[in-house]
Amino acid sequence: MVAFIGLFRRDLRLALRHGSDTGIVLGFFVLAIVLFPLGVGPEPAILQRIGAGVVWVAALLAAQICALSDPALRERLRAWRKARADEVVRADEDQQDGRGQRK
């Protein structure tokens, strides 16, 4: 967790150097999180179940917006997405037996 916080602080400092880009990205992230309950309803049980996923999706979309103007970030984000996709494929293959049916 300490490494994540250090990485987050470093990336935030780098992002703040770009000025308006940071404001747009943070604004998008906040609006996505704040407006999401309007789309699914205000029921606390539903929001509690899907809240973490919504935050992840909003953060990934905000990172994608940042990557539009930063080639290094674009490449890191592409590699991260590929690694996650490979994990899903491996997990799916592990669940299947030799006949292509799920265990």
PDB file of N, CA and C in Angstrom:
ATOM      1  N   MET A   1       0.817  -1.186   0.000  1.00  0.00           N
ATOM      2  CA  MET A   1       0.000   0.000   0.000  1.00  0.00           C
ATOM      3  C   MET A   1       0.868   1.259   0.000  1.00  0.00           C
ATOM      4  N   VAL A   2       1.990   1.202   0.695  1.00  0.00           N
ATOM      5  CA  VAL A   2       2.894   2.357   0.749  1.00  0.00           C
ATOM      6  C   VAL A   2       3.453   2.647  -0.638  1.00  0.00           C
ATOM      7  N   ALA A   3       3.782   1.596  -1.387  1.00  0.00           N
ATOM      8  CA  ALA A   3       4.298   1.789  -2.743  1.00  0.00           C
ATOM      9  C   ALA A   3       3.248   2.419  -3.638  1.00  0.00           C
ATOM     10  N   PHE A   4       1.992   1.990  -3.491  1.00  0.00           N
ATOM     11  CA  PHE A   4       0.913   2.557  -4.288  1.00  0.00           C
ATOM     12  C   PHE A   4       0.738   4.041  -3.998  1.00  0.00           C
ATOM     13  N   ILE A   5       0.768   4.406  -2.714  1.00  0.00           N
ATOM     14  CA  ILE A   5       0.607   5.814  -2.339  1.00  0.00           C
ATOM     15  C   ILE A   5       1.762   6.645  -2.880  1.00  0.00           C
ATOM     16  N   GLY A   6       2.977   6.107  -2.802  1.00  0.00           N
ATOM     17  CA  GLY A   6       4.128   6.822  -3.354  1.00  0.00           C
ATOM     18  C   GLY A   6       4.010   7.014  -4.856  1.00  0.00           C
ATOM     19  N   LEU A   7       3.587   5.976  -5.551  1.00  0.00           N
ATOM     20  CA  LEU A   7       3.396   6.066  -6.992  1.00  0.00           C
ATOM     21  C   LEU A   7       2.290   7.049  -7.338  1.00  0.00           C
ATOM     22  N   PHE A   8       1.204   7.026  -6.570  1.00  0.00           N
ATOM     23  CA  PHE A   8       0.098   7.944  -6.787  1.00  0.00           C
ATOM     24  C   PHE A   8       0.552   9.392  -6.606  1.00  0.00           C
ATOM     25  N   ARG A   9       1.306   9.653  -5.550  1.00  0.00           N
ATOM     26  CA  ARG A   9       1.797  11.017  -5.305  1.00  0.00           C
ATOM     27  C   ARG A   9       2.714  11.488  -6.432  1.00  0.00           C
ATOM     28  N   ARG A  10       3.595  10.599  -6.881  1.00  0.00           N
ATOM     29  CA  ARG A  10       4.501  10.959  -7.969  1.00  0.00           C
ATOM     30  C   ARG A  10       3.727  11.288  -9.242  1.00  0.00           C
ATOM     31  N   ASP A  11       2.773  10.433  -9.582  1.00  0.00           N
ATOM     32  CA  ASP A  11       1.982  10.674 -10.786  1.00  0.00           C
ATOM     33  C   ASP A  11       1.133  11.934 -10.661  1.00  0.00           C
ATOM     34  N   LEU A  12       0.611  12.191  -9.463  1.00  0.00           N
ATOM     35  CA  LEU A  12      -0.173  13.405  -9.266  1.00  0.00           C
ATOM     36  C   LEU A  12       0.697  14.647  -9.419  1.00  0.00           C
ATOM     37  N   ARG A  13       1.918  14.613  -8.881  1.00  0.00           N
ATOM     38  CA  ARG A  13       2.829  15.755  -9.053  1.00  0.00           C
ATOM     39  C   ARG A  13       3.151  15.982 -10.527  1.00  0.00           C
ATOM     40  N   LEU A  14       3.395  14.896 -11.258  1.00  0.00           N
ATOM     41  CA  LEU A  14       3.669  15.023 -12.691  1.00  0.00           C
ATOM     42  C   LEU A  14       2.463  15.567 -13.434  1.00  0.00           C
ATOM     43  N   ALA A  15       1.282  15.116 -13.058  1.00  0.00           N
ATOM     44  CA  ALA A  15       0.072  15.574 -13.729  1.00  0.00           C
ATOM     45  C   ALA A  15      -0.195  17.048 -13.445  1.00  0.00           C
ATOM     46  N   LEU A  16       0.089  17.494 -12.240  1.00  0.00           N
ATOM     47  CA  LEU A  16      -0.166  18.888 -11.890  1.00  0.00           C
ATOM     48  C   LEU A  16       0.723  19.849 -12.680  1.00  0.00           C
ATOM     49  N   ARG A  17       1.814  19.363 -13.207  1.00  0.00           N
ATOM     50  CA  ARG A  17       2.692  20.204 -14.021  1.00  0.00           C
ATOM     51  C   ARG A  17       2.026  20.592 -15.338  1.00  0.00           C
ATOM     52  N   HIS A  18       1.072  19.785 -15.792  1.00  0.00           N
ATOM     53  CA  HIS A  18       0.418  20.053 -17.070  1.00  0.00           C
ATOM     54  C   HIS A  18      -0.781  20.989 -16.944  1.00  0.00           C
ATOM     55  N   GLY A  19      -1.116  21.419 -15.765  1.00  0.00           N
ATOM     56  CA  GLY A  19      -2.138  22.429 -15.551  1.00  0.00           C
ATOM     57  C   GLY A  19      -3.538  22.012 -15.959  1.00  0.00           C
ATOM     58  N   SER A  20      -4.000  22.520 -17.096  1.00  0.00           N
ATOM     59  CA  SER A  20      -5.398  22.340 -17.491  1.00  0.00           C
ATOM     60  C   SER A  20      -5.750  20.876 -17.737  1.00  0.00           C
ATOM     61  N   ASP A  21      -4.807  20.066 -18.201  1.00  0.00           N
ATOM     62  CA  ASP A  21      -5.084  18.641 -18.401  1.00  0.00           C
ATOM     63  C   ASP A  21      -5.537  17.983 -17.103  1.00  0.00           C
ATOM     64  N   THR A  22      -4.884  18.325 -16.027  1.00  0.00           N
ATOM     65  CA  THR A  22      -5.216  17.732 -14.735  1.00  0.00           C
ATOM     66  C   THR A  22      -6.614  18.128 -14.298  1.00  0.00           C
ATOM     67  N   GLY A  23      -6.955  19.385 -14.486  1.00  0.00           N
ATOM     68  CA  GLY A  23      -8.287  19.851 -14.110  1.00  0.00           C
ATOM     69  C   GLY A  23      -9.381  19.144 -14.877  1.00  0.00           C
ATOM     70  N   ILE A  24      -9.161  18.936 -16.157  1.00  0.00           N
ATOM     71  CA  ILE A  24     -10.155  18.242 -16.983  1.00  0.00           C
ATOM     72  C   ILE A  24     -10.317  16.800 -16.521  1.00  0.00           C
ATOM     73  N   VAL A  25      -9.203  16.135 -16.280  1.00  0.00           N
ATOM     74  CA  VAL A  25      -9.253  14.729 -15.875  1.00  0.00           C
ATOM     75  C   VAL A  25      -9.894  14.580 -14.499  1.00  0.00           C
ATOM     76  N   LEU A  26      -9.482  15.390 -13.536  1.00  0.00           N
ATOM     77  CA  LEU A  26     -10.081  15.308 -12.204  1.00  0.00           C
ATOM     78  C   LEU A  26     -11.558  15.680 -12.249  1.00  0.00           C
ATOM     79  N   GLY A  27     -11.896  16.681 -13.055  1.00  0.00           N
ATOM     80  CA  GLY A  27     -13.300  17.050 -13.218  1.00  0.00           C
ATOM     81  C   GLY A  27     -14.120  15.914 -13.783  1.00  0.00           C
ATOM     82  N   PHE A  28     -13.597  15.231 -14.796  1.00  0.00           N
ATOM     83  CA  PHE A  28     -14.293  14.080 -15.369  1.00  0.00           C
ATOM     84  C   PHE A  28     -14.497  12.998 -14.322  1.00  0.00           C
ATOM     85  N   PHE A  29     -13.437  12.686 -13.582  1.00  0.00           N
ATOM     86  CA  PHE A  29     -13.509  11.633 -12.576  1.00  0.00           C
ATOM     87  C   PHE A  29     -14.578  11.949 -11.535  1.00  0.00           C
ATOM     88  N   VAL A  30     -14.557  13.170 -11.020  1.00  0.00           N
ATOM     89  CA  VAL A  30     -15.526  13.565  -9.991  1.00  0.00           C
ATOM     90  C   VAL A  30     -16.943  13.540 -10.555  1.00  0.00           C
ATOM     91  N   LEU A  31     -17.143  14.081 -11.750  1.00  0.00           N
ATOM     92  CA  LEU A  31     -18.485  14.075 -12.341  1.00  0.00           C
ATOM     93  C   LEU A  31     -18.995  12.661 -12.593  1.00  0.00           C
ATOM     94  N   ALA A  32     -18.130  11.794 -13.061  1.00  0.00           N
ATOM     95  CA  ALA A  32     -18.548  10.411 -13.310  1.00  0.00           C
ATOM     96  C   ALA A  32     -19.000   9.750 -12.020  1.00  0.00           C
ATOM     97  N   ILE A  33     -18.277   9.958 -10.942  1.00  0.00           N
ATOM     98  CA  ILE A  33     -18.627   9.349  -9.662  1.00  0.00           C
ATOM     99  C   ILE A  33     -19.899   9.973  -9.090  1.00  0.00           C
ATOM    100  N   VAL A  34     -20.016  11.290  -9.179  1.00  0.00           N
ATOM    101  CA  VAL A  34     -21.166  11.978  -8.592  1.00  0.00           C
ATOM    102  C   VAL A  34     -22.447  11.702  -9.373  1.00  0.00           C
ATOM    103  N   LEU A  35     -22.361  11.636 -10.693  1.00  0.00           N
ATOM    104  CA  LEU A  35     -23.560  11.467 -11.510  1.00  0.00           C
ATOM    105  C   LEU A  35     -23.994  10.016 -11.668  1.00  0.00           C
ATOM    106  N   PHE A  36     -23.143   9.079 -11.354  1.00  0.00           N
ATOM    107  CA  PHE A  36     -23.482   7.671 -11.548  1.00  0.00           C
ATOM    108  C   PHE A  36     -24.742   7.245 -10.798  1.00  0.00           C
ATOM    109  N   PRO A  37     -24.940   7.656  -9.545  1.00  0.00           N
ATOM    110  CA  PRO A  37     -26.167   7.250  -8.849  1.00  0.00           C
ATOM    111  C   PRO A  37     -27.445   7.711  -9.549  1.00  0.00           C
ATOM    112  N   LEU A  38     -27.372   8.771 -10.323  1.00  0.00           N
ATOM    113  CA  LEU A  38     -28.554   9.208 -11.066  1.00  0.00           C
ATOM    114  C   LEU A  38     -28.946   8.188 -12.123  1.00  0.00           C
ATOM    115  N   GLY A  39     -27.998   7.438 -12.625  1.00  0.00           N
ATOM    116  CA  GLY A  39     -28.277   6.445 -13.650  1.00  0.00           C
ATOM    117  C   GLY A  39     -28.777   5.119 -13.106  1.00  0.00           C
ATOM    118  N   VAL A  40     -28.380   4.756 -11.899  1.00  0.00           N
ATOM    119  CA  VAL A  40     -28.771   3.455 -11.351  1.00  0.00           C
ATOM    120  C   VAL A  40     -29.772   3.559 -10.213  1.00  0.00           C
ATOM    121  N   GLY A  41     -29.989   4.728  -9.711  1.00  0.00           N
ATOM    122  CA  GLY A  41     -30.923   4.911  -8.607  1.00  0.00           C
ATOM    123  C   GLY A  41     -30.203   5.122  -7.293  1.00  0.00           C
ATOM    124  N   PRO A  42     -30.909   5.685  -6.324  1.00  0.00           N
ATOM    125  CA  PRO A  42     -30.264   6.054  -5.062  1.00  0.00           C
ATOM    126  C   PRO A  42     -30.255   4.960  -3.993  1.00  0.00           C
ATOM    127  N   GLU A  43     -30.629   3.731  -4.331  1.00  0.00           N
ATOM    128  CA  GLU A  43     -30.688   2.682  -3.319  1.00  0.00           C
ATOM    129  C   GLU A  43     -29.281   2.384  -2.782  1.00  0.00           C
ATOM    130  N   PRO A  44     -29.085   2.557  -1.477  1.00  0.00           N
ATOM    131  CA  PRO A  44     -27.750   2.350  -0.905  1.00  0.00           C
ATOM    132  C   PRO A  44     -27.201   0.939  -1.109  1.00  0.00           C
ATOM    133  N   ALA A  45     -28.053  -0.057  -1.079  1.00  0.00           N
ATOM    134  CA  ALA A  45     -27.569  -1.436  -1.231  1.00  0.00           C
ATOM    135  C   ALA A  45     -26.951  -1.648  -2.613  1.00  0.00           C
ATOM    136  N   ILE A  46     -27.595  -1.127  -3.634  1.00  0.00           N
ATOM    137  CA  ILE A  46     -27.071  -1.267  -4.999  1.00  0.00           C
ATOM    138  C   ILE A  46     -25.783  -0.471  -5.153  1.00  0.00           C
ATOM    139  N   LEU A  47     -25.798   0.757  -4.674  1.00  0.00           N
ATOM    140  CA  LEU A  47     -24.610   1.604  -4.803  1.00  0.00           C
ATOM    141  C   LEU A  47     -23.423   1.023  -4.049  1.00  0.00           C
ATOM    142  N   GLN A  48     -23.687   0.409  -2.909  1.00  0.00           N
ATOM    143  CA  GLN A  48     -22.597  -0.189  -2.140  1.00  0.00           C
ATOM    144  C   GLN A  48     -22.002  -1.384  -2.886  1.00  0.00           C
ATOM    145  N   ARG A  49     -22.848  -2.164  -3.548  1.00  0.00           N
ATOM    146  CA  ARG A  49     -22.364  -3.342  -4.280  1.00  0.00           C
ATOM    147  C   ARG A  49     -21.530  -2.962  -5.494  1.00  0.00           C
ATOM    148  N   ILE A  50     -21.923  -1.918  -6.208  1.00  0.00           N
ATOM    149  CA  ILE A  50     -21.242  -1.597  -7.462  1.00  0.00           C
ATOM    150  C   ILE A  50     -20.284  -0.416  -7.350  1.00  0.00           C
ATOM    151  N   GLY A  51     -20.208   0.188  -6.180  1.00  0.00           N
ATOM    152  CA  GLY A  51     -19.408   1.402  -6.010  1.00  0.00           C
ATOM    153  C   GLY A  51     -17.939   1.240  -6.363  1.00  0.00           C
ATOM    154  N   ALA A  52     -17.320   0.162  -5.912  1.00  0.00           N
ATOM    155  CA  ALA A  52     -15.884  -0.030  -6.188  1.00  0.00           C
ATOM    156  C   ALA A  52     -15.632  -0.175  -7.682  1.00  0.00           C
ATOM    157  N   GLY A  53     -16.488  -0.896  -8.365  1.00  0.00           N
ATOM    158  CA  GLY A  53     -16.338  -1.050  -9.812  1.00  0.00           C
ATOM    159  C   GLY A  53     -16.497   0.258 -10.551  1.00  0.00           C
ATOM    160  N   VAL A  54     -17.435   1.073 -10.099  1.00  0.00           N
ATOM    161  CA  VAL A  54     -17.663   2.380 -10.732  1.00  0.00           C
ATOM    162  C   VAL A  54     -16.440   3.272 -10.558  1.00  0.00           C
ATOM    163  N   VAL A  55     -15.862   3.253  -9.376  1.00  0.00           N
ATOM    164  CA  VAL A  55     -14.654   4.066  -9.132  1.00  0.00           C
ATOM    165  C   VAL A  55     -13.522   3.597 -10.040  1.00  0.00           C
ATOM    166  N   TRP A  56     -13.339   2.272 -10.181  1.00  0.00           N
ATOM    167  CA  TRP A  56     -12.288   1.747 -11.059  1.00  0.00           C
ATOM    168  C   TRP A  56     -12.510   2.168 -12.502  1.00  0.00           C
ATOM    169  N   VAL A  57     -13.740   2.041 -12.986  1.00  0.00           N
ATOM    170  CA  VAL A  57     -14.026   2.400 -14.377  1.00  0.00           C
ATOM    171  C   VAL A  57     -13.798   3.895 -14.596  1.00  0.00           C
ATOM    172  N   ALA A  58     -14.253   4.723 -13.663  1.00  0.00           N
ATOM    173  CA  ALA A  58     -14.045   6.168 -13.797  1.00  0.00           C
ATOM    174  C   ALA A  58     -12.552   6.505 -13.767  1.00  0.00           C
ATOM    175  N   ALA A  59     -11.792   5.833 -12.908  1.00  0.00           N
ATOM    176  CA  ALA A  59     -10.348   6.083 -12.841  1.00  0.00           C
ATOM    177  C   ALA A  59      -9.657   5.645 -14.133  1.00  0.00           C
ATOM    178  N   LEU A  60     -10.067   4.509 -14.682  1.00  0.00           N
ATOM    179  CA  LEU A  60      -9.459   4.045 -15.936  1.00  0.00           C
ATOM    180  C   LEU A  60      -9.796   4.976 -17.098  1.00  0.00           C
ATOM    181  N   LEU A  61     -11.026   5.459 -17.140  1.00  0.00           N
ATOM    182  CA  LEU A  61     -11.383   6.405 -18.193  1.00  0.00           C
ATOM    183  C   LEU A  61     -10.626   7.723 -18.030  1.00  0.00           C
ATOM    184  N   ALA A  62     -10.460   8.168 -16.792  1.00  0.00           N
ATOM    185  CA  ALA A  62      -9.683   9.388 -16.554  1.00  0.00           C
ATOM    186  C   ALA A  62      -8.219   9.182 -16.970  1.00  0.00           C
ATOM    187  N   ALA A  63      -7.675   8.004 -16.672  1.00  0.00           N
ATOM    188  CA  ALA A  63      -6.304   7.715 -17.094  1.00  0.00           C
ATOM    189  C   ALA A  63      -6.207   7.693 -18.613  1.00  0.00           C
ATOM    190  N   GLN A  64      -7.243   7.178 -19.266  1.00  0.00           N
ATOM    191  CA  GLN A  64      -7.244   7.164 -20.731  1.00  0.00           C
ATOM    192  C   GLN A  64      -7.251   8.586 -21.294  1.00  0.00           C
ATOM    193  N   ILE A  65      -7.976   9.481 -20.640  1.00  0.00           N
ATOM    194  CA  ILE A  65      -7.976  10.880 -21.071  1.00  0.00           C
ATOM    195  C   ILE A  65      -6.579  11.471 -20.919  1.00  0.00           C
ATOM    196  N   CYS A  66      -5.919  11.180 -19.794  1.00  0.00           N
ATOM    197  CA  CYS A  66      -4.540  11.658 -19.590  1.00  0.00           C
ATOM    198  C   CYS A  66      -3.611  11.100 -20.662  1.00  0.00           C
ATOM    199  N   ALA A  67      -3.845   9.856 -21.044  1.00  0.00           N
ATOM    200  CA  ALA A  67      -2.967   9.187 -22.009  1.00  0.00           C
ATOM    201  C   ALA A  67      -3.071   9.779 -23.398  1.00  0.00           C
ATOM    202  N   LEU A  68      -4.105  10.545 -23.673  1.00  0.00           N
ATOM    203  CA  LEU A  68      -4.235  11.174 -24.989  1.00  0.00           C
ATOM    204  C   LEU A  68      -3.084  12.137 -25.269  1.00  0.00           C
ATOM    205  N   SER A  69      -2.583  12.762 -24.214  1.00  0.00           N
ATOM    206  CA  SER A  69      -1.521  13.744 -24.412  1.00  0.00           C
ATOM    207  C   SER A  69      -0.170  13.297 -23.862  1.00  0.00           C
ATOM    208  N   ASP A  70      -0.075  12.072 -23.374  1.00  0.00           N
ATOM    209  CA  ASP A  70       1.172  11.585 -22.786  1.00  0.00           C
ATOM    210  C   ASP A  70       1.510  10.207 -23.361  1.00  0.00           C
ATOM    211  N   PRO A  71       2.430  10.155 -24.326  1.00  0.00           N
ATOM    212  CA  PRO A  71       2.763   8.875 -24.959  1.00  0.00           C
ATOM    213  C   PRO A  71       3.277   7.811 -23.991  1.00  0.00           C
ATOM    214  N   ALA A  72       4.040   8.204 -22.989  1.00  0.00           N
ATOM    215  CA  ALA A  72       4.567   7.227 -22.022  1.00  0.00           C
ATOM    216  C   ALA A  72       3.426   6.610 -21.217  1.00  0.00           C
ATOM    217  N   LEU A  73       2.501   7.437 -20.776  1.00  0.00           N
ATOM    218  CA  LEU A  73       1.349   6.934 -20.040  1.00  0.00           C
ATOM    219  C   LEU A  73       0.483   6.069 -20.949  1.00  0.00           C
ATOM    220  N   ARG A  74       0.346   6.468 -22.180  1.00  0.00           N
ATOM    221  CA  ARG A  74      -0.443   5.688 -23.138  1.00  0.00           C
ATOM    222  C   ARG A  74       0.128   4.282 -23.268  1.00  0.00           C
ATOM    223  N   GLU A  75       1.432   4.168 -23.356  1.00  0.00           N
ATOM    224  CA  GLU A  75       2.066   2.853 -23.495  1.00  0.00           C
ATOM    225  C   GLU A  75       1.923   2.028 -22.210  1.00  0.00           C
ATOM    226  N   ARG A  76       2.101   2.664 -21.046  1.00  0.00           N
ATOM    227  CA  ARG A  76       1.922   1.943 -19.777  1.00  0.00           C
ATOM    228  C   ARG A  76       0.492   1.457 -19.614  1.00  0.00           C
ATOM    229  N   LEU A  77      -0.465   2.285 -19.998  1.00  0.00           N
ATOM    230  CA  LEU A  77      -1.870   1.902 -19.905  1.00  0.00           C
ATOM    231  C   LEU A  77      -2.187   0.763 -20.863  1.00  0.00           C
ATOM    232  N   ARG A  78      -1.624   0.801 -22.046  1.00  0.00           N
ATOM    233  CA  ARG A  78      -1.817  -0.281 -23.021  1.00  0.00           C
ATOM    234  C   ARG A  78      -1.240  -1.599 -22.475  1.00  0.00           C
ATOM    235  N   ALA A  79      -0.061  -1.538 -21.888  1.00  0.00           N
ATOM    236  CA  ALA A  79       0.555  -2.744 -21.325  1.00  0.00           C
ATOM    237  C   ALA A  79      -0.255  -3.275 -20.144  1.00  0.00           C
ATOM    238  N   TRP A  80      -0.784  -2.382 -19.320  1.00  0.00           N
ATOM    239  CA  TRP A  80      -1.595  -2.797 -18.173  1.00  0.00           C
ATOM    240  C   TRP A  80      -2.864  -3.497 -18.656  1.00  0.00           C
ATOM    241  N   ARG A  81      -3.529  -2.915 -19.666  1.00  0.00           N
ATOM    242  CA  ARG A  81      -4.754  -3.532 -20.192  1.00  0.00           C
ATOM    243  C   ARG A  81      -4.464  -4.897 -20.797  1.00  0.00           C
ATOM    244  N   LYS A  82      -3.349  -5.018 -21.513  1.00  0.00           N
ATOM    245  CA  LYS A  82      -2.996  -6.308 -22.113  1.00  0.00           C
ATOM    246  C   LYS A  82      -2.732  -7.353 -21.034  1.00  0.00           C
ATOM    247  N   ALA A  83      -2.047  -6.953 -19.970  1.00  0.00           N
ATOM    248  CA  ALA A  83      -1.773  -7.893 -18.875  1.00  0.00           C
ATOM    249  C   ALA A  83      -3.079  -8.351 -18.220  1.00  0.00           C
ATOM    250  N   ARG A  84      -4.026  -7.432 -18.022  1.00  0.00           N
ATOM    251  CA  ARG A  84      -5.316  -7.816 -17.438  1.00  0.00           C
ATOM    252  C   ARG A  84      -6.080  -8.743 -18.378  1.00  0.00           C
ATOM    253  N   ALA A  85      -6.053  -8.474 -19.675  1.00  0.00           N
ATOM    254  CA  ALA A  85      -6.745  -9.326 -20.644  1.00  0.00           C
ATOM    255  C   ALA A  85      -6.127 -10.717 -20.660  1.00  0.00           C
ATOM    256  N   ASP A  86      -4.809 -10.795 -20.588  1.00  0.00           N
ATOM    257  CA  ASP A  86      -4.134 -12.101 -20.545  1.00  0.00           C
ATOM    258  C   ASP A  86      -4.522 -12.879 -19.285  1.00  0.00           C
ATOM    259  N   GLU A  87      -4.667 -12.184 -18.159  1.00  0.00           N
ATOM    260  CA  GLU A  87      -5.095 -12.842 -16.922  1.00  0.00           C
ATOM    261  C   GLU A  87      -6.486 -13.436 -17.078  1.00  0.00           C
ATOM    262  N   VAL A  88      -7.389 -12.703 -17.724  1.00  0.00           N
ATOM    263  CA  VAL A  88      -8.753 -13.191 -17.918  1.00  0.00           C
ATOM    264  C   VAL A  88      -8.750 -14.426 -18.811  1.00  0.00           C
ATOM    265  N   VAL A  89      -7.959 -14.388 -19.875  1.00  0.00           N
ATOM    266  CA  VAL A  89      -7.879 -15.541 -20.780  1.00  0.00           C
ATOM    267  C   VAL A  89      -7.331 -16.749 -20.042  1.00  0.00           C
ATOM    268  N   ARG A  90      -6.271 -16.565 -19.257  1.00  0.00           N
ATOM    269  CA  ARG A  90      -5.701 -17.686 -18.501  1.00  0.00           C
ATOM    270  C   ARG A  90      -6.704 -18.244 -17.491  1.00  0.00           C
ATOM    271  N   ALA A  91      -7.423 -17.367 -16.803  1.00  0.00           N
ATOM    272  CA  ALA A  91      -8.413 -17.827 -15.828  1.00  0.00           C
ATOM    273  C   ALA A  91      -9.532 -18.597 -16.520  1.00  0.00           C
ATOM    274  N   ASP A  92      -9.931 -18.138 -17.703  1.00  0.00           N
ATOM    275  CA  ASP A  92     -10.974 -18.833 -18.444  1.00  0.00           C
ATOM    276  C   ASP A  92     -10.494 -20.203 -18.901  1.00  0.00           C
ATOM    277  N   GLU A  93      -9.263 -20.271 -19.363  1.00  0.00           N
ATOM    278  CA  GLU A  93      -8.710 -21.560 -19.792  1.00  0.00           C
ATOM    279  C   GLU A  93      -8.583 -22.526 -18.624  1.00  0.00           C
ATOM    280  N   ASP A  94      -8.257 -22.011 -17.440  1.00  0.00           N
ATOM    281  CA  ASP A  94      -8.144 -22.863 -16.254  1.00  0.00           C
ATOM    282  C   ASP A  94      -9.494 -23.448 -15.853  1.00  0.00           C
ATOM    283  N   GLN A  95     -10.586 -22.742 -16.171  1.00  0.00           N
ATOM    284  CA  GLN A  95     -11.915 -23.214 -15.790  1.00  0.00           C
ATOM    285  C   GLN A  95     -12.489 -24.222 -16.776  1.00  0.00           C
ATOM    286  N   GLN A  96     -11.905 -24.335 -17.928  1.00  0.00           N
ATOM    287  CA  GLN A  96     -12.433 -25.250 -18.934  1.00  0.00           C
ATOM    288  C   GLN A  96     -11.707 -26.587 -18.872  1.00  0.00           C
ATOM    289  N   ASP A  97     -12.462 -27.659 -19.168  1.00  0.00           N
ATOM    290  CA  ASP A  97     -11.793 -28.959 -19.234  1.00  0.00           C
ATOM    291  C   ASP A  97     -11.423 -29.234 -20.697  1.00  0.00           C
ATOM    292  N   GLY A  98     -10.975 -30.425 -21.010  1.00  0.00           N
ATOM    293  CA  GLY A  98     -10.499 -30.766 -22.341  1.00  0.00           C
ATOM    294  C   GLY A  98     -11.555 -30.711 -23.436  1.00  0.00           C
ATOM    295  N   ARG A  99     -12.844 -30.800 -23.103  1.00  0.00           N
ATOM    296  CA  ARG A  99     -13.897 -30.800 -24.128  1.00  0.00           C
ATOM    297  C   ARG A  99     -14.471 -29.417 -24.376  1.00  0.00           C
ATOM    298  N   GLY A 100     -13.906 -28.394 -23.746  1.00  0.00           N
ATOM    299  CA  GLY A 100     -14.386 -27.038 -23.984  1.00  0.00           C
ATOM    300  C   GLY A 100     -15.585 -26.664 -23.107  1.00  0.00           C
ATOM    301  N   GLN A 101     -15.902 -27.520 -22.136  1.00  0.00           N
ATOM    302  CA  GLN A 101     -16.998 -27.228 -21.234  1.00  0.00           C
ATOM    303  C   GLN A 101     -16.441 -26.756 -19.900  1.00  0.00           C
ATOM    304  N   ARG A 102     -17.221 -25.966 -19.244  1.00  0.00           N
ATOM    305  CA  ARG A 102     -16.797 -25.476 -17.926  1.00  0.00           C
ATOM    306  C   ARG A 102     -16.873 -26.582 -16.902  1.00  0.00           C
ATOM    307  N   LYS A 103     -15.979 -26.517 -15.932  1.00  0.00           N
ATOM    308  CA  LYS A 103     -15.948 -27.534 -14.875  1.00  0.00           C
ATOM    309  C   LYS A 103     -17.140 -27.362 -13.969  1.00  0.00           C
TER     310      LYS A 103
END
